Amino acid sequence: MAPALVHGSPLAEPTVREPASLLVLYRRHARDVGRWAARMGGPGTDVEDIVQEVFLAAHRKLAGFRGDSSPSTWLYRITLNVIRHRRRKERWRRWLGGSAAEVAGDVAAAEPSPLESADARQASEKLYRALDGMKEKYRTVLILFEIDGLSGDEVAAVTGAKVATVWVWLHRARAELARRLDPLYGKESE
């Protein structure tokens, strides 16, 4: 269902009687944008920085938002584009600046990790290392469905693909992820 126009704004929802603004948009969706940024970006992602960049982009594009999709879908697409841009930039930085280990050594940790979370952190790093090598469409569908818990219909709405296509991509993504994780866990591919 497309958002209703309230006071000429396509972002205001039918139950809201105030004009939409960036502040209202931020209050309603900042937590979701942060969650998407953390999951799509992986470990070491500066979530606060990405949230800020997403809402700066949303502010620039707010006048052009027609209301064809929900504000959350619109913001998800912006978040996805910001994450993709950052990932491309980091790949270039690693390629130009040395090995990934050297570059990762210069990145400040968001917070000190306790010793008890070492296994979870290591597993997360292996997962995102495997995800990093996948095609973006497979990586995105896999994260949205398996990690973020969206339904197939929701993934289709967010990605702009047909539901049947989402299921095909998800099947291929799972198979590719399994192939990529086997060597990381010391298993031989069959």
N, C-alpha and C. Protein backbone atom coordinates (compact mmCIF):
# COMPACT_ATOMS: atom_id res chain seq x y z
N MET A 1 0.84 -1.17 0.00
CA MET A 1 0.00 0.00 0.00
C MET A 1 0.88 1.24 0.00
N ALA A 2 0.65 2.13 -0.91
CA ALA A 2 1.45 3.35 -1.01
C ALA A 2 1.05 4.31 0.11
N PRO A 3 2.01 5.07 0.61
CA PRO A 3 1.70 6.03 1.66
C PRO A 3 0.72 7.09 1.16
N ALA A 4 -0.11 7.56 2.03
CA ALA A 4 -1.07 8.59 1.68
C ALA A 4 -0.37 9.95 1.68
N LEU A 5 -0.93 10.85 0.90
CA LEU A 5 -0.39 12.20 0.88
C LEU A 5 -1.04 13.01 1.99
N VAL A 6 -0.25 13.51 2.89
CA VAL A 6 -0.73 14.36 3.97
C VAL A 6 0.03 15.67 3.86
N HIS A 7 -0.65 16.74 3.70
CA HIS A 7 -0.03 18.05 3.55
C HIS A 7 0.98 18.04 2.40
N GLY A 8 0.69 17.27 1.35
CA GLY A 8 1.55 17.25 0.17
C GLY A 8 2.79 16.40 0.29
N SER A 9 2.96 15.67 1.37
CA SER A 9 4.17 14.89 1.57
C SER A 9 3.90 13.41 1.33
N PRO A 10 4.67 12.76 0.45
CA PRO A 10 4.46 11.34 0.22
C PRO A 10 5.00 10.46 1.35
N LEU A 11 5.77 11.02 2.29
CA LEU A 11 6.35 10.20 3.34
C LEU A 11 5.44 10.06 4.56
N ALA A 12 4.49 10.92 4.71
CA ALA A 12 3.61 10.82 5.86
C ALA A 12 2.71 9.61 5.71
N GLU A 13 2.55 8.85 6.75
CA GLU A 13 1.72 7.66 6.72
C GLU A 13 0.27 8.05 7.01
N PRO A 14 -0.70 7.19 6.64
CA PRO A 14 -2.10 7.55 6.79
C PRO A 14 -2.50 7.93 8.21
N THR A 15 -1.84 7.37 9.22
CA THR A 15 -2.22 7.67 10.60
C THR A 15 -1.56 8.93 11.13
N VAL A 16 -0.65 9.49 10.38
CA VAL A 16 0.10 10.65 10.85
C VAL A 16 -0.56 11.91 10.29
N ARG A 17 -0.73 12.92 11.13
CA ARG A 17 -1.36 14.16 10.70
C ARG A 17 -0.38 15.32 10.66
N GLU A 18 0.91 15.02 10.71
CA GLU A 18 1.91 16.07 10.66
C GLU A 18 2.68 15.96 9.35
N PRO A 19 3.20 17.05 8.85
CA PRO A 19 3.98 16.97 7.62
C PRO A 19 5.26 16.18 7.88
N ALA A 20 5.63 15.36 6.92
CA ALA A 20 6.85 14.55 7.07
C ALA A 20 8.07 15.45 6.94
N SER A 21 9.07 15.14 7.66
CA SER A 21 10.34 15.85 7.58
C SER A 21 11.45 14.84 7.76
N LEU A 22 12.65 15.28 7.58
CA LEU A 22 13.79 14.39 7.78
C LEU A 22 13.83 13.90 9.22
N LEU A 23 13.49 14.76 10.16
CA LEU A 23 13.49 14.37 11.57
C LEU A 23 12.48 13.26 11.84
N VAL A 24 11.28 13.39 11.29
CA VAL A 24 10.25 12.35 11.46
C VAL A 24 10.72 11.06 10.80
N LEU A 25 11.27 11.18 9.61
CA LEU A 25 11.78 10.01 8.90
C LEU A 25 12.88 9.33 9.71
N TYR A 26 13.78 10.13 10.27
CA TYR A 26 14.87 9.59 11.08
C TYR A 26 14.33 8.88 12.32
N ARG A 27 13.41 9.51 13.03
CA ARG A 27 12.87 8.91 14.25
C ARG A 27 12.18 7.58 13.97
N ARG A 28 11.51 7.49 12.86
CA ARG A 28 10.78 6.26 12.54
C ARG A 28 11.68 5.14 12.03
N HIS A 29 12.78 5.49 11.35
CA HIS A 29 13.51 4.46 10.61
C HIS A 29 14.99 4.34 10.94
N ALA A 30 15.52 5.15 11.83
CA ALA A 30 16.96 5.10 12.11
C ALA A 30 17.39 3.74 12.66
N ARG A 31 16.58 3.15 13.52
CA ARG A 31 16.94 1.85 14.10
C ARG A 31 17.01 0.78 12.99
N ASP A 32 16.05 0.80 12.07
CA ASP A 32 16.07 -0.16 10.96
C ASP A 32 17.30 0.04 10.08
N VAL A 33 17.60 1.29 9.76
CA VAL A 33 18.76 1.59 8.92
C VAL A 33 20.04 1.11 9.60
N GLY A 34 20.14 1.31 10.91
CA GLY A 34 21.31 0.83 11.65
C GLY A 34 21.43 -0.69 11.61
N ARG A 35 20.31 -1.37 11.76
CA ARG A 35 20.30 -2.84 11.72
C ARG A 35 20.71 -3.33 10.34
N TRP A 36 20.15 -2.71 9.29
CA TRP A 36 20.52 -3.11 7.93
C TRP A 36 22.00 -2.86 7.68
N ALA A 37 22.49 -1.72 8.13
CA ALA A 37 23.91 -1.38 7.91
C ALA A 37 24.82 -2.39 8.59
N ALA A 38 24.48 -2.77 9.82
CA ALA A 38 25.30 -3.73 10.56
C ALA A 38 25.30 -5.09 9.87
N ARG A 39 24.15 -5.51 9.41
CA ARG A 39 24.07 -6.84 8.79
C ARG A 39 24.64 -6.88 7.39
N MET A 40 24.39 -5.85 6.61
CA MET A 40 24.88 -5.84 5.23
C MET A 40 26.37 -5.51 5.18
N GLY A 41 26.83 -4.69 6.13
CA GLY A 41 28.23 -4.28 6.12
C GLY A 41 29.17 -5.29 6.74
N GLY A 42 28.66 -6.06 7.70
CA GLY A 42 29.49 -7.06 8.35
C GLY A 42 30.29 -6.50 9.50
N PRO A 43 31.17 -7.33 10.06
CA PRO A 43 31.98 -6.90 11.21
C PRO A 43 32.88 -5.73 10.83
N GLY A 44 33.10 -4.86 11.76
CA GLY A 44 33.98 -3.73 11.52
C GLY A 44 33.31 -2.56 10.83
N THR A 45 32.03 -2.67 10.55
CA THR A 45 31.31 -1.58 9.89
C THR A 45 31.02 -0.47 10.89
N ASP A 46 31.26 0.75 10.49
CA ASP A 46 30.93 1.90 11.33
C ASP A 46 29.46 2.24 11.09
N VAL A 47 28.59 1.63 11.87
CA VAL A 47 27.15 1.73 11.68
C VAL A 47 26.67 3.17 11.80
N GLU A 48 27.14 3.88 12.79
CA GLU A 48 26.70 5.27 12.98
C GLU A 48 27.06 6.13 11.77
N ASP A 49 28.22 5.91 11.23
CA ASP A 49 28.65 6.67 10.06
C ASP A 49 27.76 6.36 8.85
N ILE A 50 27.43 5.10 8.69
CA ILE A 50 26.58 4.72 7.56
C ILE A 50 25.17 5.27 7.74
N VAL A 51 24.63 5.21 8.96
CA VAL A 51 23.29 5.77 9.21
C VAL A 51 23.29 7.26 8.86
N GLN A 52 24.33 7.96 9.27
CA GLN A 52 24.41 9.39 8.95
C GLN A 52 24.45 9.60 7.44
N GLU A 53 25.25 8.82 6.75
CA GLU A 53 25.37 8.96 5.30
C GLU A 53 24.05 8.64 4.61
N VAL A 54 23.32 7.64 5.10
CA VAL A 54 22.02 7.27 4.52
C VAL A 54 21.03 8.42 4.66
N PHE A 55 20.97 9.02 5.84
CA PHE A 55 20.00 10.10 6.04
C PHE A 55 20.42 11.39 5.34
N LEU A 56 21.72 11.59 5.13
CA LEU A 56 22.15 12.72 4.30
C LEU A 56 21.70 12.51 2.86
N ALA A 57 21.86 11.28 2.36
CA ALA A 57 21.39 10.97 1.01
C ALA A 57 19.87 11.09 0.93
N ALA A 58 19.18 10.63 1.95
CA ALA A 58 17.72 10.73 1.97
C ALA A 58 17.29 12.20 1.95
N HIS A 59 17.99 13.04 2.68
CA HIS A 59 17.68 14.47 2.70
C HIS A 59 17.83 15.07 1.30
N ARG A 60 18.90 14.69 0.60
CA ARG A 60 19.13 15.20 -0.76
C ARG A 60 18.06 14.71 -1.72
N LYS A 61 17.56 13.49 -1.51
CA LYS A 61 16.60 12.89 -2.44
C LYS A 61 15.15 13.02 -2.00
N LEU A 62 14.91 13.63 -0.85
CA LEU A 62 13.57 13.69 -0.27
C LEU A 62 12.56 14.36 -1.21
N ALA A 63 12.96 15.41 -1.88
CA ALA A 63 12.04 16.12 -2.78
C ALA A 63 11.63 15.24 -3.96
N GLY A 64 12.48 14.32 -4.35
CA GLY A 64 12.18 13.45 -5.48
C GLY A 64 11.45 12.17 -5.12
N PHE A 65 11.23 11.93 -3.82
CA PHE A 65 10.52 10.72 -3.40
C PHE A 65 9.04 10.87 -3.74
N ARG A 66 8.56 9.96 -4.61
CA ARG A 66 7.19 10.06 -5.11
C ARG A 66 6.20 9.24 -4.30
N GLY A 67 6.66 8.35 -3.47
CA GLY A 67 5.75 7.52 -2.70
C GLY A 67 5.35 6.24 -3.41
N ASP A 68 6.08 5.87 -4.48
CA ASP A 68 5.78 4.62 -5.18
C ASP A 68 6.07 3.40 -4.31
N SER A 69 6.96 3.56 -3.35
CA SER A 69 7.28 2.48 -2.41
C SER A 69 7.14 3.06 -1.01
N SER A 70 7.23 2.18 -0.03
CA SER A 70 7.14 2.65 1.35
C SER A 70 8.44 3.36 1.72
N PRO A 71 8.40 4.25 2.71
CA PRO A 71 9.63 4.92 3.12
C PRO A 71 10.71 3.92 3.57
N SER A 72 10.31 2.83 4.22
CA SER A 72 11.31 1.86 4.67
C SER A 72 11.98 1.17 3.48
N THR A 73 11.23 0.86 2.44
CA THR A 73 11.82 0.25 1.24
C THR A 73 12.77 1.24 0.57
N TRP A 74 12.35 2.50 0.49
CA TRP A 74 13.17 3.55 -0.10
C TRP A 74 14.48 3.70 0.68
N LEU A 75 14.38 3.74 2.01
CA LEU A 75 15.58 3.88 2.84
C LEU A 75 16.46 2.64 2.76
N TYR A 76 15.85 1.46 2.63
CA TYR A 76 16.65 0.24 2.50
C TYR A 76 17.49 0.32 1.23
N ARG A 77 16.89 0.77 0.15
CA ARG A 77 17.64 0.87 -1.11
C ARG A 77 18.81 1.85 -0.98
N ILE A 78 18.56 2.97 -0.30
CA ILE A 78 19.63 3.94 -0.08
C ILE A 78 20.73 3.30 0.78
N THR A 79 20.33 2.59 1.84
CA THR A 79 21.30 1.92 2.71
C THR A 79 22.13 0.91 1.91
N LEU A 80 21.46 0.13 1.10
CA LEU A 80 22.15 -0.87 0.28
C LEU A 80 23.15 -0.19 -0.65
N ASN A 81 22.77 0.92 -1.26
CA ASN A 81 23.68 1.63 -2.15
C ASN A 81 24.88 2.20 -1.40
N VAL A 82 24.65 2.72 -0.20
CA VAL A 82 25.75 3.25 0.61
C VAL A 82 26.71 2.12 0.98
N ILE A 83 26.17 0.98 1.40
CA ILE A 83 27.01 -0.17 1.77
C ILE A 83 27.79 -0.66 0.56
N ARG A 84 27.14 -0.78 -0.59
CA ARG A 84 27.84 -1.22 -1.80
C ARG A 84 28.97 -0.27 -2.15
N HIS A 85 28.69 1.03 -2.06
CA HIS A 85 29.72 2.02 -2.37
C HIS A 85 30.91 1.86 -1.40
N ARG A 86 30.62 1.71 -0.13
CA ARG A 86 31.69 1.54 0.87
C ARG A 86 32.50 0.28 0.60
N ARG A 87 31.81 -0.82 0.27
CA ARG A 87 32.51 -2.08 0.01
C ARG A 87 33.43 -1.95 -1.20
N ARG A 88 32.93 -1.30 -2.27
CA ARG A 88 33.76 -1.08 -3.45
C ARG A 88 34.98 -0.23 -3.09
N LYS A 89 34.74 0.81 -2.33
CA LYS A 89 35.82 1.71 -1.92
C LYS A 89 36.87 0.95 -1.09
N GLU A 90 36.43 0.10 -0.17
CA GLU A 90 37.35 -0.69 0.65
C GLU A 90 38.14 -1.69 -0.18
N ARG A 91 37.49 -2.31 -1.18
CA ARG A 91 38.21 -3.23 -2.05
C ARG A 91 39.34 -2.50 -2.78
N TRP A 92 39.03 -1.31 -3.30
CA TRP A 92 40.06 -0.52 -3.97
C TRP A 92 41.15 -0.13 -2.99
N ARG A 93 40.78 0.26 -1.80
CA ARG A 93 41.75 0.67 -0.79
C ARG A 93 42.68 -0.49 -0.45
N ARG A 94 42.10 -1.70 -0.30
CA ARG A 94 42.93 -2.87 0.00
C ARG A 94 43.85 -3.19 -1.18
N TRP A 95 43.30 -3.09 -2.39
CA TRP A 95 44.09 -3.41 -3.57
C TRP A 95 45.23 -2.42 -3.75
N LEU A 96 44.96 -1.15 -3.51
CA LEU A 96 45.99 -0.13 -3.69
C LEU A 96 46.91 0.02 -2.49
N GLY A 97 46.38 -0.29 -1.29
CA GLY A 97 47.14 0.00 -0.09
C GLY A 97 47.84 -1.18 0.54
N GLY A 98 47.79 -2.34 -0.02
CA GLY A 98 48.45 -3.49 0.57
C GLY A 98 47.48 -4.61 0.83
N SER A 99 47.90 -5.54 1.66
CA SER A 99 47.07 -6.72 1.93
C SER A 99 45.88 -6.35 2.81
N ALA A 100 44.89 -7.20 2.79
CA ALA A 100 43.70 -6.97 3.62
C ALA A 100 44.07 -6.96 5.10
N ALA A 101 45.02 -7.79 5.49
CA ALA A 101 45.43 -7.84 6.90
C ALA A 101 46.08 -6.52 7.32
N GLU A 102 46.89 -5.93 6.43
CA GLU A 102 47.51 -4.65 6.75
C GLU A 102 46.47 -3.55 6.91
N VAL A 103 45.51 -3.51 5.98
CA VAL A 103 44.46 -2.49 6.04
C VAL A 103 43.58 -2.72 7.26
N ALA A 104 43.23 -3.97 7.54
CA ALA A 104 42.38 -4.27 8.69
C ALA A 104 43.07 -3.91 9.99
N GLY A 105 44.39 -3.99 10.02
CA GLY A 105 45.12 -3.62 11.23
C GLY A 105 45.04 -2.14 11.55
N ASP A 106 44.78 -1.31 10.54
CA ASP A 106 44.68 0.13 10.74
C ASP A 106 43.28 0.59 11.10
N VAL A 107 42.29 -0.26 10.93
CA VAL A 107 40.91 0.11 11.21
C VAL A 107 40.64 -0.02 12.70
N ALA A 108 40.15 1.04 13.29
CA ALA A 108 39.86 1.03 14.73
C ALA A 108 38.62 0.20 15.01
N ALA A 109 38.67 -0.58 16.07
CA ALA A 109 37.51 -1.39 16.46
C ALA A 109 36.46 -0.49 17.08
N ALA A 110 35.19 -0.83 16.85
CA ALA A 110 34.09 -0.04 17.39
C ALA A 110 34.08 -0.11 18.91
N GLU A 111 34.38 -1.26 19.43
CA GLU A 111 34.45 -1.44 20.88
C GLU A 111 35.34 -2.64 21.16
N PRO A 112 35.97 -2.70 22.32
CA PRO A 112 36.80 -3.86 22.63
C PRO A 112 35.92 -5.10 22.80
N SER A 113 36.37 -6.20 22.20
CA SER A 113 35.57 -7.42 22.28
C SER A 113 36.06 -8.28 23.44
N PRO A 114 35.15 -8.79 24.26
CA PRO A 114 35.55 -9.65 25.36
C PRO A 114 36.04 -11.01 24.86
N LEU A 115 36.82 -11.66 25.68
CA LEU A 115 37.40 -12.94 25.32
C LEU A 115 36.32 -13.99 25.04
N GLU A 116 35.20 -13.90 25.76
CA GLU A 116 34.12 -14.89 25.59
C GLU A 116 33.50 -14.85 24.18
N SER A 117 33.59 -13.73 23.50
CA SER A 117 32.96 -13.61 22.18
C SER A 117 33.92 -13.93 21.03
N ALA A 118 35.10 -14.44 21.34
CA ALA A 118 36.09 -14.72 20.30
C ALA A 118 35.59 -15.73 19.27
N ASP A 119 34.95 -16.80 19.72
CA ASP A 119 34.44 -17.80 18.78
C ASP A 119 33.35 -17.23 17.88
N ALA A 120 32.43 -16.46 18.47
CA ALA A 120 31.35 -15.87 17.69
C ALA A 120 31.91 -14.88 16.68
N ARG A 121 32.87 -14.10 17.09
CA ARG A 121 33.48 -13.11 16.20
C ARG A 121 34.21 -13.81 15.06
N GLN A 122 34.91 -14.89 15.38
CA GLN A 122 35.64 -15.64 14.36
C GLN A 122 34.68 -16.27 13.35
N ALA A 123 33.58 -16.81 13.84
CA ALA A 123 32.58 -17.40 12.95
C ALA A 123 31.96 -16.32 12.06
N SER A 124 31.70 -15.16 12.64
CA SER A 124 31.14 -14.05 11.88
C SER A 124 32.11 -13.60 10.80
N GLU A 125 33.38 -13.53 11.13
CA GLU A 125 34.38 -13.13 10.15
C GLU A 125 34.47 -14.13 9.00
N LYS A 126 34.40 -15.41 9.33
CA LYS A 126 34.43 -16.42 8.28
C LYS A 126 33.20 -16.31 7.39
N LEU A 127 32.04 -16.10 8.01
CA LEU A 127 30.81 -15.95 7.23
C LEU A 127 30.91 -14.76 6.29
N TYR A 128 31.32 -13.62 6.79
CA TYR A 128 31.40 -12.43 5.95
C TYR A 128 32.54 -12.52 4.94
N ARG A 129 33.59 -13.25 5.25
CA ARG A 129 34.65 -13.48 4.26
C ARG A 129 34.07 -14.28 3.09
N ALA A 130 33.26 -15.28 3.40
CA ALA A 130 32.62 -16.06 2.35
C ALA A 130 31.61 -15.21 1.58
N LEU A 131 30.84 -14.40 2.30
CA LEU A 131 29.84 -13.55 1.65
C LEU A 131 30.48 -12.49 0.76
N ASP A 132 31.64 -12.00 1.14
CA ASP A 132 32.31 -10.94 0.38
C ASP A 132 32.64 -11.36 -1.05
N GLY A 133 32.88 -12.62 -1.27
CA GLY A 133 33.24 -13.08 -2.60
C GLY A 133 32.05 -13.39 -3.49
N MET A 134 30.85 -13.31 -2.95
CA MET A 134 29.65 -13.66 -3.71
C MET A 134 29.16 -12.48 -4.54
N LYS A 135 28.37 -12.79 -5.57
CA LYS A 135 27.73 -11.74 -6.35
C LYS A 135 26.82 -10.96 -5.41
N GLU A 136 26.70 -9.65 -5.65
CA GLU A 136 25.91 -8.79 -4.77
C GLU A 136 24.45 -9.26 -4.65
N LYS A 137 23.83 -9.68 -5.75
CA LYS A 137 22.42 -10.07 -5.67
C LYS A 137 22.26 -11.30 -4.78
N TYR A 138 23.17 -12.26 -4.86
CA TYR A 138 23.08 -13.45 -4.02
C TYR A 138 23.36 -13.11 -2.56
N ARG A 139 24.39 -12.30 -2.35
CA ARG A 139 24.75 -11.88 -1.00
C ARG A 139 23.59 -11.14 -0.34
N THR A 140 22.99 -10.22 -1.06
CA THR A 140 21.89 -9.42 -0.53
C THR A 140 20.69 -10.28 -0.17
N VAL A 141 20.29 -11.16 -1.07
CA VAL A 141 19.12 -12.01 -0.83
C VAL A 141 19.38 -12.93 0.36
N LEU A 142 20.57 -13.49 0.44
CA LEU A 142 20.91 -14.39 1.54
C LEU A 142 20.88 -13.66 2.88
N ILE A 143 21.44 -12.48 2.94
CA ILE A 143 21.45 -11.72 4.19
C ILE A 143 20.04 -11.32 4.58
N LEU A 144 19.27 -10.82 3.61
CA LEU A 144 17.90 -10.39 3.93
C LEU A 144 17.04 -11.54 4.43
N PHE A 145 17.15 -12.69 3.79
CA PHE A 145 16.28 -13.82 4.14
C PHE A 145 16.79 -14.56 5.37
N GLU A 146 18.07 -14.94 5.36
CA GLU A 146 18.59 -15.81 6.41
C GLU A 146 18.99 -15.06 7.68
N ILE A 147 19.57 -13.88 7.54
CA ILE A 147 20.06 -13.16 8.71
C ILE A 147 19.03 -12.16 9.21
N ASP A 148 18.45 -11.40 8.28
CA ASP A 148 17.50 -10.36 8.68
C ASP A 148 16.10 -10.93 8.90
N GLY A 149 15.81 -12.11 8.38
CA GLY A 149 14.54 -12.76 8.63
C GLY A 149 13.37 -12.24 7.82
N LEU A 150 13.64 -11.59 6.68
CA LEU A 150 12.54 -11.13 5.84
C LEU A 150 11.93 -12.31 5.09
N SER A 151 10.66 -12.20 4.75
CA SER A 151 10.00 -13.23 3.97
C SER A 151 10.41 -13.09 2.50
N GLY A 152 10.09 -14.09 1.71
CA GLY A 152 10.40 -14.03 0.28
C GLY A 152 9.73 -12.85 -0.40
N ASP A 153 8.47 -12.58 -0.03
CA ASP A 153 7.75 -11.44 -0.60
C ASP A 153 8.41 -10.12 -0.22
N GLU A 154 8.86 -10.01 1.03
CA GLU A 154 9.52 -8.78 1.48
C GLU A 154 10.85 -8.59 0.78
N VAL A 155 11.60 -9.68 0.61
CA VAL A 155 12.88 -9.60 -0.10
C VAL A 155 12.64 -9.15 -1.54
N ALA A 156 11.59 -9.69 -2.16
CA ALA A 156 11.26 -9.31 -3.53
C ALA A 156 10.91 -7.82 -3.62
N ALA A 157 10.14 -7.34 -2.65
CA ALA A 157 9.76 -5.92 -2.66
C ALA A 157 10.98 -5.02 -2.48
N VAL A 158 11.87 -5.42 -1.60
CA VAL A 158 13.05 -4.60 -1.32
C VAL A 158 14.03 -4.61 -2.48
N THR A 159 14.23 -5.76 -3.10
CA THR A 159 15.22 -5.86 -4.17
C THR A 159 14.66 -5.51 -5.54
N GLY A 160 13.33 -5.47 -5.65
CA GLY A 160 12.72 -5.15 -6.94
C GLY A 160 12.68 -6.34 -7.88
N ALA A 161 12.93 -7.53 -7.37
CA ALA A 161 12.90 -8.74 -8.19
C ALA A 161 11.57 -9.47 -7.98
N LYS A 162 11.26 -10.39 -8.86
CA LYS A 162 10.06 -11.22 -8.70
C LYS A 162 10.33 -12.25 -7.60
N VAL A 163 9.26 -12.71 -6.94
CA VAL A 163 9.40 -13.66 -5.85
C VAL A 163 10.07 -14.95 -6.33
N ALA A 164 9.69 -15.42 -7.50
CA ALA A 164 10.29 -16.65 -8.04
C ALA A 164 11.79 -16.46 -8.25
N THR A 165 12.17 -15.28 -8.70
CA THR A 165 13.59 -14.98 -8.90
C THR A 165 14.34 -14.97 -7.57
N VAL A 166 13.69 -14.42 -6.55
CA VAL A 166 14.29 -14.40 -5.21
C VAL A 166 14.58 -15.81 -4.75
N TRP A 167 13.64 -16.75 -4.96
CA TRP A 167 13.85 -18.14 -4.52
C TRP A 167 14.99 -18.79 -5.29
N VAL A 168 15.12 -18.49 -6.57
CA VAL A 168 16.23 -19.05 -7.36
C VAL A 168 17.55 -18.48 -6.85
N TRP A 169 17.60 -17.17 -6.65
CA TRP A 169 18.83 -16.54 -6.15
C TRP A 169 19.18 -17.09 -4.78
N LEU A 170 18.18 -17.28 -3.92
CA LEU A 170 18.43 -17.79 -2.57
C LEU A 170 18.99 -19.20 -2.64
N HIS A 171 18.44 -20.05 -3.50
CA HIS A 171 18.94 -21.42 -3.67
C HIS A 171 20.41 -21.39 -4.12
N ARG A 172 20.70 -20.57 -5.11
CA ARG A 172 22.07 -20.47 -5.63
C ARG A 172 23.01 -19.87 -4.58
N ALA A 173 22.51 -18.89 -3.83
CA ALA A 173 23.34 -18.25 -2.81
C ALA A 173 23.70 -19.23 -1.71
N ARG A 174 22.74 -20.05 -1.29
CA ARG A 174 23.02 -21.04 -0.24
C ARG A 174 24.07 -22.04 -0.70
N ALA A 175 23.93 -22.51 -1.95
CA ALA A 175 24.90 -23.47 -2.48
C ALA A 175 26.29 -22.84 -2.59
N GLU A 176 26.36 -21.60 -3.07
CA GLU A 176 27.65 -20.93 -3.18
C GLU A 176 28.26 -20.66 -1.80
N LEU A 177 27.43 -20.27 -0.84
CA LEU A 177 27.93 -20.02 0.50
C LEU A 177 28.51 -21.30 1.10
N ALA A 178 27.82 -22.41 0.92
CA ALA A 178 28.32 -23.69 1.43
C ALA A 178 29.67 -24.03 0.81
N ARG A 179 29.79 -23.82 -0.51
CA ARG A 179 31.08 -24.07 -1.19
C ARG A 179 32.18 -23.17 -0.64
N ARG A 180 31.85 -21.93 -0.35
CA ARG A 180 32.85 -20.99 0.14
C ARG A 180 33.22 -21.23 1.61
N LEU A 181 32.29 -21.73 2.39
CA LEU A 181 32.55 -21.96 3.82
C LEU A 181 33.34 -23.25 4.06
N ASP A 182 33.18 -24.25 3.21
CA ASP A 182 33.87 -25.52 3.41
C ASP A 182 35.38 -25.35 3.59
N PRO A 183 36.07 -24.64 2.70
CA PRO A 183 37.52 -24.48 2.89
C PRO A 183 37.88 -23.67 4.15
N LEU A 184 37.01 -22.74 4.54
CA LEU A 184 37.29 -21.93 5.72
C LEU A 184 37.20 -22.74 7.00
N TYR A 185 36.41 -23.81 6.96
CA TYR A 185 36.28 -24.67 8.14
C TYR A 185 37.07 -25.97 7.98
N GLY A 186 37.93 -26.02 6.95
CA GLY A 186 38.82 -27.16 6.77
C GLY A 186 38.15 -28.38 6.18
N LYS A 187 37.02 -28.21 5.52
CA LYS A 187 36.33 -29.36 4.90
C LYS A 187 36.67 -29.36 3.41
N GLU A 188 36.74 -30.53 2.87
CA GLU A 188 36.98 -30.69 1.44
C GLU A 188 35.66 -30.64 0.70
N SER A 189 35.62 -29.98 -0.45
CA SER A 189 34.41 -29.97 -1.27
C SER A 189 34.24 -31.32 -1.91
N GLU A 190 33.00 -31.72 -2.01
CA GLU A 190 32.72 -33.05 -2.56
C GLU A 190 32.47 -32.99 -4.03
